[in-house]
Amino acid sequence: MTLKEEARLAAYSGGNFAKNLLWATADVTLLYVLTDLIGLSPSWAGLIFLAGIFSDALFDLLIAAAADRTRTRFGQYGPYILIGAPVCAAAFVLVYGLPSWGVSDPALILICVLVFRIAYAAVDLPHTAMVGKVAADSRARGRVSGYRFFFSSAASLALALALPRVLTPGAQRNDDILALALGAAAISTATLWVAWLSVRRRDQPAPPSDGQSVWAQGRAALAAPSLPPLAAIAFITGLSFPLFSKGLVYFTTYVLDAPQAASSTLLALIVGQFFGVGLWTWLSNASEKADALSAAHAVAFLGFLAMAVLPIGAAGLIACAVVVGIGLSGVYMLIWGMAPDVVDHAELRTGIRAEATLVAIIIFVMKTGIGIGAAAMGLALQATNYVPGQVQDAETRILITFLTIGGPAAGALTCAVLARRHPISHARHSAILRRLARRRGSSGDPLEPDIVPNQSTPPESHS
């Protein structure tokens, strides 16, 4: 691959900086903003977070159904990114302006969060689904996933540097948050536009599947036997790992009595992620991506285990966060490096390329897990004697510790085992691509014995 092409892949991957600048901010701070700055009860805050994430995940499926059938002069995914990016940015500013504007009505807050989450889905799904167009073979997709996670980590770094503004009490805190949201929104929009423009020539739809309904696309996406293990990993990852970032502010504030350690810990997590990007990119090329994913979960588990069993102060938390960050970089980049391979597998079985739909299914299950985890955290805090801004009792501190560390550790261990069940190796993916190429060139090409087409949607020679 030429240097120019590699630069194009990196420019496309920069879209992850734009998306994660908004996603990570909401993931880390939204619950805290709702409970401690706006004054909602933890249960209300958790349910609003759940509703937002679930609407985001559900809208991903609707966007995918539309995107798989979109044919425009701006490509298949371009219209969603070009229009969706500024809408998403404006909705993000709306949410983080609520404390400055004194809005505390749960119904109005819910509407604002829903608008942001739905607008985010309209941008996130198309950009993610383009991976299969930008990079064709399994190893190239591994490199793209590395680039994407690098830029996601860079966005998290920007958040870590800005986090003290969110956590430091003061008369200007709400206005500072709004100013930061405005800056993040402007940068996000510009970066997403550049990301799409860099690969716009690749944003061409697959040959049209005339007469294929949305349901046929959904059946095609679900046809690959490689989907269930990856979807299970995505759900458990979404359910467990974000608990660490969501609980971190509560843990450092109320358990360690060191609120500023949240920023340092998040920074350490990101340092670990930067170290991990190169490691997992190399390992996913040198070995199977499923083995690398299993190893990444194992490394994250060891970091969480160290937090649980070692005497943890602020310094110990920071050291363990570096290890967790190394593992997390592999967890997230490899899931999205493996998803396009599943798309190819599903096309081989059915003859229908439901690219956006399959990616949306994985995003849906992951975001559903995230929403359930956030709601569970809010309801659990409500069930104890948690009082924002006050010294918490022993029961509440134990619960915060369990949610922040124990949940992610259990998820990491479970996923390390599940990852071993993913069936697509580099060699098998190469074979899938060769058979797809032959099928597109001539009709009636038989499939591999272990890959049988869906009888209700027979493979088409042009797909």
Protein backbone atom coordinates (compact mmCIF):
# COMPACT_ATOMS: atom_id res chain seq x y z
CA MET A 1 0.00 0.00 0.00
CA THR A 2 1.37 3.44 -0.95
CA LEU A 3 2.08 6.24 1.49
CA LYS A 4 -0.67 8.31 -0.13
CA GLU A 5 -3.21 5.55 0.41
CA GLU A 6 -2.08 5.06 4.00
CA ALA A 7 -2.52 8.80 4.59
CA ARG A 8 -6.02 8.56 3.15
CA LEU A 9 -6.86 5.78 5.59
CA ALA A 10 -5.54 7.89 8.46
CA ALA A 11 -7.57 10.92 7.33
CA TYR A 12 -10.74 8.82 7.23
CA SER A 13 -9.92 7.48 10.68
CA GLY A 14 -9.70 11.04 11.99
CA GLY A 15 -13.49 11.01 11.99
CA ASN A 16 -13.21 9.01 15.20
CA PHE A 17 -11.63 12.03 16.87
CA ALA A 18 -14.72 14.03 15.93
CA LYS A 19 -17.17 11.40 17.14
CA ASN A 20 -15.36 10.50 20.33
CA LEU A 21 -14.95 14.13 21.31
CA LEU A 22 -18.72 14.16 21.79
CA TRP A 23 -19.30 10.52 22.78
CA ALA A 24 -16.56 10.33 25.44
CA THR A 25 -17.64 13.63 26.97
CA ALA A 26 -21.20 12.36 27.36
CA ASP A 27 -20.03 8.92 28.48
CA VAL A 28 -17.82 10.28 31.26
CA THR A 29 -19.68 13.40 32.40
CA LEU A 30 -23.37 13.25 31.51
CA LEU A 31 -24.53 11.29 34.56
CA TYR A 32 -22.45 13.57 36.81
CA VAL A 33 -23.82 16.69 35.12
CA LEU A 34 -27.39 15.46 35.53
CA THR A 35 -27.01 14.54 39.22
CA ASP A 36 -24.50 17.04 40.62
CA LEU A 37 -24.93 20.13 38.40
CA ILE A 38 -28.59 20.01 37.39
CA GLY A 39 -29.77 18.25 40.56
CA LEU A 40 -31.72 15.27 39.22
CA SER A 41 -32.02 12.17 41.36
CA PRO A 42 -29.66 9.33 40.39
CA SER A 43 -32.59 7.18 39.27
CA TRP A 44 -33.94 9.90 36.96
CA ALA A 45 -30.46 10.55 35.61
CA GLY A 46 -29.86 6.86 34.96
CA LEU A 47 -33.20 6.40 33.20
CA ILE A 48 -32.60 9.47 31.01
CA PHE A 49 -29.19 8.10 30.10
CA LEU A 50 -30.75 4.72 29.28
CA ALA A 51 -33.48 6.30 27.14
CA GLY A 52 -30.89 8.34 25.25
CA ILE A 53 -28.63 5.41 24.54
CA PHE A 54 -31.51 3.13 23.58
CA SER A 55 -32.94 5.71 21.16
CA ASP A 56 -29.45 6.11 19.70
CA ALA A 57 -29.14 2.33 19.25
CA LEU A 58 -32.65 1.98 17.78
CA PHE A 59 -32.08 4.84 15.37
CA ASP A 60 -28.87 3.15 14.21
CA LEU A 61 -31.03 0.34 12.79
CA LEU A 62 -33.28 2.82 10.98
CA ILE A 63 -30.33 4.74 9.57
CA ALA A 64 -28.74 1.47 8.46
CA ALA A 65 -31.88 0.34 6.65
CA ALA A 66 -31.96 3.66 4.80
CA ALA A 67 -28.21 3.83 4.16
CA ASP A 68 -28.03 0.37 2.59
CA ARG A 69 -30.48 1.62 -0.04
CA THR A 70 -29.13 5.17 -0.46
CA ARG A 71 -27.86 6.23 -3.90
CA THR A 72 -26.92 9.93 -4.28
CA ARG A 73 -24.35 12.11 -6.05
CA PHE A 74 -22.67 12.47 -2.64
CA GLY A 75 -22.26 8.71 -2.31
CA GLN A 76 -23.98 6.25 -0.04
CA TYR A 77 -22.98 7.65 3.35
CA GLY A 78 -21.94 11.21 2.47
CA PRO A 79 -25.38 12.85 2.95
CA TYR A 80 -25.67 11.49 6.48
CA ILE A 81 -22.24 12.79 7.50
CA LEU A 82 -22.44 16.16 5.73
CA ILE A 83 -25.86 17.00 7.17
CA GLY A 84 -25.71 15.03 10.40
CA ALA A 85 -22.41 16.41 11.72
CA PRO A 86 -23.58 20.01 12.33
CA VAL A 87 -26.96 18.83 13.64
CA CYS A 88 -25.26 16.51 16.12
CA ALA A 89 -22.89 19.28 17.20
CA ALA A 90 -25.76 21.70 17.82
CA ALA A 91 -27.63 19.09 19.88
CA PHE A 92 -24.49 18.44 21.94
CA VAL A 93 -24.24 22.16 22.79
CA LEU A 94 -27.93 22.12 23.71
CA VAL A 95 -27.39 19.34 26.27
CA TYR A 96 -24.32 20.90 27.90
CA GLY A 97 -25.92 24.33 27.99
CA LEU A 98 -28.69 23.07 30.30
CA PRO A 99 -26.83 23.84 33.58
CA SER A 100 -26.06 27.42 32.45
CA TRP A 101 -29.65 28.00 31.44
CA GLY A 102 -31.05 26.64 34.70
CA VAL A 103 -33.08 23.86 33.08
CA SER A 104 -34.09 21.17 35.59
CA ASP A 105 -37.34 19.74 34.18
CA PRO A 106 -36.67 16.00 33.60
CA ALA A 107 -38.99 15.87 30.57
CA LEU A 108 -37.22 18.75 28.84
CA ILE A 109 -33.80 17.32 29.68
CA LEU A 110 -34.90 13.96 28.26
CA ILE A 111 -35.95 15.60 24.98
CA CYS A 112 -32.58 17.36 24.67
CA VAL A 113 -30.66 14.14 25.36
CA LEU A 114 -32.78 12.20 22.86
CA VAL A 115 -32.16 14.78 20.13
CA PHE A 116 -28.41 14.56 20.72
CA ARG A 117 -28.33 10.76 20.77
CA ILE A 118 -30.43 10.40 17.61
CA ALA A 119 -28.31 12.98 15.76
CA TYR A 120 -25.16 11.16 16.90
CA ALA A 121 -26.48 7.88 15.48
CA ALA A 122 -27.05 9.53 12.10
CA VAL A 123 -23.34 10.34 11.90
CA ASP A 124 -21.73 7.45 13.77
CA LEU A 125 -23.27 4.55 11.87
CA PRO A 126 -22.44 5.80 8.34
CA HIS A 127 -18.85 6.67 9.25
CA THR A 128 -18.28 3.30 10.94
CA ALA A 129 -19.95 1.32 8.12
CA MET A 130 -17.54 2.85 5.58
CA VAL A 131 -14.63 0.76 6.93
CA GLY A 132 -15.45 -2.05 4.52
CA LYS A 133 -15.23 0.36 1.57
CA VAL A 134 -12.09 2.13 2.74
CA ALA A 135 -10.06 -1.06 3.38
CA ALA A 136 -10.75 -4.33 1.61
CA ASP A 137 -8.65 -7.04 3.25
CA SER A 138 -8.58 -8.22 6.86
CA ARG A 139 -5.11 -6.92 7.70
CA ALA A 140 -5.73 -3.46 6.20
CA ARG A 141 -8.90 -3.24 8.27
CA GLY A 142 -6.81 -4.04 11.33
CA ARG A 143 -4.58 -1.04 10.55
CA VAL A 144 -7.58 1.21 9.99
CA SER A 145 -8.98 0.11 13.35
CA GLY A 146 -5.65 1.06 14.89
CA TYR A 147 -5.77 4.51 13.31
CA ARG A 148 -9.37 4.98 14.37
CA PHE A 149 -8.65 4.07 17.95
CA PHE A 150 -5.61 6.34 17.99
CA PHE A 151 -7.83 9.28 17.08
CA SER A 152 -10.49 8.17 19.57
CA SER A 153 -7.80 8.14 22.27
CA ALA A 154 -6.65 11.61 21.19
CA ALA A 155 -10.21 12.85 21.75
CA SER A 156 -10.26 11.21 25.17
CA LEU A 157 -6.98 12.95 25.94
CA ALA A 158 -8.54 16.29 25.08
CA LEU A 159 -11.42 15.43 27.43
CA ALA A 160 -9.02 14.47 30.24
CA LEU A 161 -7.25 17.81 29.94
CA ALA A 162 -10.57 19.67 30.01
CA LEU A 163 -12.14 17.60 32.82
CA PRO A 164 -10.84 19.77 35.71
CA ARG A 165 -13.05 22.57 34.38
CA VAL A 166 -16.05 20.29 34.83
CA LEU A 167 -15.11 19.05 38.29
CA THR A 168 -13.77 22.22 39.93
CA PRO A 169 -16.53 24.01 41.85
CA GLY A 170 -16.98 27.69 41.05
CA ALA A 171 -19.40 30.31 39.90
CA GLN A 172 -18.23 30.05 36.30
CA ARG A 173 -18.24 26.24 36.06
CA ASN A 174 -21.49 25.95 34.11
CA ASP A 175 -20.42 28.63 31.64
CA ASP A 176 -17.02 26.95 31.24
CA ILE A 177 -18.77 23.68 30.37
CA LEU A 178 -20.89 25.45 27.76
CA ALA A 179 -17.80 27.10 26.25
CA LEU A 180 -16.02 23.74 26.06
CA ALA A 181 -19.09 22.20 24.42
CA LEU A 182 -19.14 24.93 21.77
CA GLY A 183 -15.47 24.35 20.96
CA ALA A 184 -15.89 20.58 20.81
CA ALA A 185 -18.93 20.92 18.55
CA ALA A 186 -17.13 23.13 16.03
CA ILE A 187 -14.05 20.88 15.89
CA SER A 188 -16.19 17.77 15.58
CA THR A 189 -18.15 19.07 12.60
CA ALA A 190 -15.06 20.19 10.67
CA THR A 191 -13.17 16.96 11.34
CA LEU A 192 -16.03 14.71 10.22
CA TRP A 193 -16.39 16.63 6.96
CA VAL A 194 -12.65 16.28 6.27
CA ALA A 195 -12.80 12.55 7.09
CA TRP A 196 -15.53 11.92 4.52
CA LEU A 197 -13.99 14.15 1.86
CA SER A 198 -10.69 12.24 2.11
CA VAL A 199 -12.37 8.99 0.98
CA ARG A 200 -15.38 10.30 -0.93
CA ARG A 201 -14.31 8.40 -4.06
CA ARG A 202 -14.64 5.16 -2.10
CA ASP A 203 -18.14 6.01 -0.90
CA GLN A 204 -19.88 4.21 -3.72
CA PRO A 205 -22.82 1.90 -2.99
CA ALA A 206 -22.72 -1.79 -3.74
CA PRO A 207 -24.60 -2.84 -6.89
CA PRO A 208 -28.28 -2.24 -6.15
CA SER A 209 -30.30 -5.14 -4.77
CA ASP A 210 -33.52 -4.34 -6.59
CA GLY A 211 -36.55 -5.67 -4.80
CA GLN A 212 -34.66 -6.42 -1.59
CA SER A 213 -36.73 -5.25 1.36
CA VAL A 214 -35.46 -3.92 4.65
CA TRP A 215 -36.37 -7.28 6.17
CA ALA A 216 -34.29 -9.09 3.55
CA GLN A 217 -31.34 -6.89 4.43
CA GLY A 218 -31.86 -7.68 8.10
CA ARG A 219 -32.04 -11.43 7.44
CA ALA A 220 -28.90 -11.20 5.33
CA ALA A 221 -27.04 -9.40 8.12
CA LEU A 222 -28.09 -12.03 10.65
CA ALA A 223 -27.14 -14.94 8.40
CA ALA A 224 -23.42 -15.02 9.21
CA PRO A 225 -22.56 -17.53 11.96
CA SER A 226 -19.64 -15.24 12.86
CA LEU A 227 -22.07 -12.55 14.05
CA PRO A 228 -23.42 -14.00 17.36
CA PRO A 229 -20.07 -14.31 19.19
CA LEU A 230 -19.03 -10.81 18.08
CA ALA A 231 -22.43 -9.37 19.04
CA ALA A 232 -22.23 -11.04 22.46
CA ILE A 233 -18.80 -9.52 23.03
CA ALA A 234 -20.11 -6.11 21.93
CA PHE A 235 -23.05 -6.30 24.38
CA ILE A 236 -20.95 -7.37 27.37
CA THR A 237 -18.30 -4.78 26.51
CA GLY A 238 -20.95 -2.05 26.41
CA LEU A 239 -22.57 -3.28 29.61
CA SER A 240 -19.41 -3.49 31.68
CA PHE A 241 -16.48 -1.34 30.55
CA PRO A 242 -18.24 2.08 30.47
CA LEU A 243 -19.09 1.59 34.14
CA PHE A 244 -15.47 2.45 34.87
CA SER A 245 -15.57 5.83 33.15
CA LYS A 246 -19.05 6.64 34.47
CA GLY A 247 -18.17 5.63 38.02
CA LEU A 248 -14.71 7.20 37.99
CA VAL A 249 -15.85 10.69 39.00
CA TYR A 250 -17.97 9.24 41.81
CA PHE A 251 -15.16 6.87 42.89
CA THR A 252 -12.43 9.50 43.09
CA THR A 253 -14.75 12.07 44.69
CA TYR A 254 -16.55 9.97 47.28
CA VAL A 255 -14.34 6.91 47.86
CA LEU A 256 -10.82 8.29 47.49
CA ASP A 257 -11.78 11.87 48.51
CA ALA A 258 -9.57 13.07 45.66
CA PRO A 259 -11.87 14.47 42.94
CA GLN A 260 -8.98 15.80 40.87
CA ALA A 261 -7.67 12.23 40.54
CA ALA A 262 -10.45 11.56 38.01
CA SER A 263 -8.67 13.70 35.43
CA SER A 264 -5.28 12.11 36.19
CA THR A 265 -6.74 8.61 36.03
CA LEU A 266 -8.48 9.28 32.75
CA LEU A 267 -5.21 10.70 31.42
CA ALA A 268 -3.39 7.53 32.54
CA LEU A 269 -6.06 5.41 30.84
CA ILE A 270 -5.44 7.30 27.61
CA VAL A 271 -1.66 6.98 27.90
CA GLY A 272 -2.20 3.22 28.14
CA GLN A 273 -4.45 3.35 25.08
CA PHE A 274 -1.78 5.10 23.04
CA PHE A 275 0.72 2.42 24.05
CA GLY A 276 -1.79 -0.28 23.19
CA VAL A 277 -2.69 0.93 19.67
CA GLY A 278 0.64 -0.08 18.20
CA LEU A 279 0.72 -3.34 20.16
CA TRP A 280 -2.70 -4.56 19.06
CA THR A 281 -2.30 -3.33 15.48
CA TRP A 282 0.87 -5.39 15.21
CA LEU A 283 -0.62 -8.40 17.00
CA SER A 284 -3.78 -8.42 14.87
CA ASN A 285 -1.57 -8.62 11.78
CA ALA A 286 0.91 -11.13 13.21
CA SER A 287 -1.78 -13.42 14.66
CA GLU A 288 -5.53 -13.89 14.40
CA LYS A 289 -7.68 -10.91 15.36
CA ALA A 290 -9.81 -13.12 17.63
CA ASP A 291 -6.71 -14.15 19.61
CA ALA A 292 -5.62 -10.52 19.87
CA LEU A 293 -9.09 -9.52 21.09
CA SER A 294 -9.03 -12.24 23.75
CA ALA A 295 -5.59 -11.07 24.90
CA ALA A 296 -6.78 -7.45 25.06
CA HIS A 297 -9.66 -8.39 27.36
CA ALA A 298 -7.25 -10.39 29.51
CA VAL A 299 -4.93 -7.41 29.91
CA ALA A 300 -7.86 -5.16 30.88
CA PHE A 301 -9.00 -7.77 33.41
CA LEU A 302 -5.56 -7.82 35.03
CA GLY A 303 -5.67 -4.04 35.41
CA PHE A 304 -9.10 -4.13 37.04
CA LEU A 305 -8.05 -7.07 39.23
CA ALA A 306 -5.06 -5.06 40.48
CA MET A 307 -7.39 -2.20 41.38
CA ALA A 308 -9.57 -4.60 43.35
CA VAL A 309 -6.91 -6.47 45.33
CA LEU A 310 -4.15 -3.88 45.83
CA PRO A 311 -4.31 -1.01 48.33
CA ILE A 312 -5.74 1.68 46.09
CA GLY A 313 -4.99 5.32 46.54
CA ALA A 314 -4.90 7.94 43.83
CA ALA A 315 -1.39 6.87 42.72
CA GLY A 316 -2.29 3.17 42.60
CA LEU A 317 -5.45 3.89 40.64
CA ILE A 318 -3.46 5.83 38.06
CA ALA A 319 -0.90 3.04 37.65
CA CYS A 320 -3.59 0.40 37.17
CA ALA A 321 -5.42 2.66 34.71
CA VAL A 322 -2.43 2.53 32.37
CA VAL A 323 -2.74 -1.28 32.22
CA VAL A 324 -6.51 -1.07 31.71
CA GLY A 325 -5.97 1.46 28.93
CA ILE A 326 -3.60 -0.87 27.09
CA GLY A 327 -6.26 -3.57 27.18
CA LEU A 328 -9.15 -1.30 26.25
CA SER A 329 -7.39 -0.03 23.14
CA GLY A 330 -7.36 -3.57 21.78
CA VAL A 331 -10.92 -4.28 22.90
CA TYR A 332 -12.51 -1.42 20.99
CA MET A 333 -10.30 -1.29 17.91
CA LEU A 334 -10.48 -5.04 17.26
CA ILE A 335 -14.27 -5.30 17.53
CA TRP A 336 -14.59 -2.78 14.70
CA GLY A 337 -11.74 -4.36 12.79
CA MET A 338 -13.65 -7.67 12.80
CA ALA A 339 -17.12 -6.32 11.95
CA PRO A 340 -16.45 -5.74 8.19
CA ASP A 341 -15.21 -9.33 7.91
CA VAL A 342 -18.60 -10.47 9.20
CA VAL A 343 -20.25 -8.29 6.53
CA ASP A 344 -18.33 -10.19 3.84
CA HIS A 345 -19.26 -13.51 5.47
CA ALA A 346 -22.96 -12.59 5.44
CA GLU A 347 -22.77 -11.53 1.78
CA LEU A 348 -21.21 -14.85 0.84
CA ARG A 349 -24.05 -16.74 2.51
CA THR A 350 -26.93 -14.69 1.09
CA GLY A 351 -25.75 -12.67 -1.90
CA ILE A 352 -26.92 -9.45 -0.20
CA ARG A 353 -24.42 -6.90 1.09
CA ALA A 354 -26.20 -5.45 4.13
CA GLU A 355 -23.15 -3.47 5.22
CA ALA A 356 -24.74 -0.71 7.27
CA THR A 357 -27.41 -3.01 8.70
CA LEU A 358 -24.91 -5.48 10.12
CA VAL A 359 -22.74 -2.75 11.62
CA ALA A 360 -25.91 -1.24 13.10
CA ILE A 361 -26.77 -4.54 14.77
CA ILE A 362 -23.40 -4.61 16.51
CA ILE A 363 -23.70 -0.95 17.50
CA PHE A 364 -27.26 -1.59 18.71
CA VAL A 365 -26.31 -4.41 21.06
CA MET A 366 -23.28 -2.50 22.36
CA LYS A 367 -25.23 0.69 23.03
CA THR A 368 -28.06 -1.28 24.61
CA GLY A 369 -25.51 -2.70 27.02
CA ILE A 370 -24.19 0.80 27.73
CA GLY A 371 -27.68 2.08 28.47
CA ILE A 372 -28.57 -0.82 30.75
CA GLY A 373 -25.31 -0.36 32.65
CA ALA A 374 -25.90 3.37 33.13
CA ALA A 375 -29.48 2.85 34.27
CA ALA A 376 -28.37 0.13 36.68
CA MET A 377 -25.75 2.46 38.15
CA GLY A 378 -28.29 5.24 38.66
CA LEU A 379 -30.88 2.94 40.21
CA ALA A 380 -28.26 1.32 42.43
CA LEU A 381 -27.10 4.70 43.75
CA GLN A 382 -30.73 5.69 44.34
CA ALA A 383 -31.26 2.49 46.35
CA THR A 384 -28.49 3.50 48.75
CA ASN A 385 -28.13 6.70 50.76
CA TYR A 386 -26.24 8.56 48.02
CA VAL A 387 -26.49 12.35 48.40
CA PRO A 388 -24.71 14.51 45.79
CA GLY A 389 -21.93 16.68 47.20
CA GLN A 390 -21.97 15.04 50.65
CA VAL A 391 -19.78 12.49 52.46
CA GLN A 392 -21.17 9.06 51.57
CA ASP A 393 -21.77 6.24 54.03
CA ALA A 394 -19.83 2.94 53.90
CA GLU A 395 -22.54 1.07 51.98
CA THR A 396 -22.60 3.67 49.23
CA ARG A 397 -18.81 3.75 48.95
CA ILE A 398 -18.70 -0.06 48.62
CA LEU A 399 -21.37 0.04 45.91
CA ILE A 400 -19.52 2.74 43.97
CA THR A 401 -16.33 0.69 44.16
CA PHE A 402 -18.10 -2.47 43.01
CA LEU A 403 -19.76 -0.74 40.05
CA THR A 404 -16.62 1.10 38.97
CA ILE A 405 -14.18 -1.82 39.20
CA GLY A 406 -16.00 -5.14 39.75
CA GLY A 407 -18.42 -4.85 36.83
CA PRO A 408 -15.75 -4.06 34.22
CA ALA A 409 -13.50 -6.84 35.57
CA ALA A 410 -16.27 -9.45 35.21
CA GLY A 411 -17.05 -8.25 31.70
CA ALA A 412 -13.40 -8.40 30.62
CA LEU A 413 -12.98 -11.97 31.86
CA THR A 414 -16.16 -13.14 30.14
CA CYS A 415 -15.22 -11.54 26.81
CA ALA A 416 -11.70 -12.99 26.92
CA VAL A 417 -13.32 -16.44 26.78
CA LEU A 418 -15.97 -15.55 24.18
CA ALA A 419 -13.46 -14.00 21.78
CA ARG A 420 -11.91 -17.40 21.20
CA ARG A 421 -15.12 -18.52 19.48
CA HIS A 422 -14.92 -16.05 16.58
CA PRO A 423 -14.53 -18.24 13.46
CA ILE A 424 -13.03 -15.91 10.80
CA SER A 425 -9.26 -16.15 10.48
CA HIS A 426 -7.12 -14.10 8.09
CA ALA A 427 -6.89 -17.09 5.76
CA ARG A 428 -10.61 -17.74 5.81
CA HIS A 429 -11.40 -14.09 5.14
CA SER A 430 -9.07 -14.13 2.14
CA ALA A 431 -10.94 -17.18 0.84
CA ILE A 432 -14.27 -15.39 1.36
CA LEU A 433 -13.05 -12.38 -0.64
CA ARG A 434 -11.85 -14.60 -3.49
CA ARG A 435 -15.19 -16.38 -3.72
CA LEU A 436 -17.08 -13.09 -3.60
CA ALA A 437 -14.92 -11.75 -6.42
CA ARG A 438 -15.57 -14.83 -8.53
CA ARG A 439 -19.30 -14.69 -7.82
CA ARG A 440 -19.47 -11.06 -8.89
CA GLY A 441 -17.70 -12.00 -12.10
CA SER A 442 -19.80 -15.04 -12.96
CA SER A 443 -23.04 -16.59 -11.81
CA GLY A 444 -23.50 -20.00 -10.33
CA ASP A 445 -20.27 -20.11 -8.35
CA PRO A 446 -20.65 -22.77 -5.64
CA LEU A 447 -19.93 -21.83 -2.06
CA GLU A 448 -17.64 -23.46 0.44
CA PRO A 449 -19.25 -26.55 2.01
CA ASP A 450 -19.44 -24.91 5.43
CA ILE A 451 -20.94 -21.70 4.09
CA VAL A 452 -24.44 -22.42 2.85
CA PRO A 453 -26.63 -19.68 1.40
CA ASN A 454 -29.84 -18.66 3.11
CA GLN A 455 -32.53 -20.57 1.25
CA SER A 456 -35.07 -17.76 1.54
CA THR A 457 -32.70 -15.22 -0.05
CA PRO A 458 -30.58 -17.02 -2.65
CA PRO A 459 -27.22 -15.47 -3.55
CA GLU A 460 -27.24 -13.20 -6.58
CA SER A 461 -24.40 -13.19 -9.04
CA HIS A 462 -24.16 -9.38 -9.12
CA SER A 463 -23.98 -8.77 -5.35
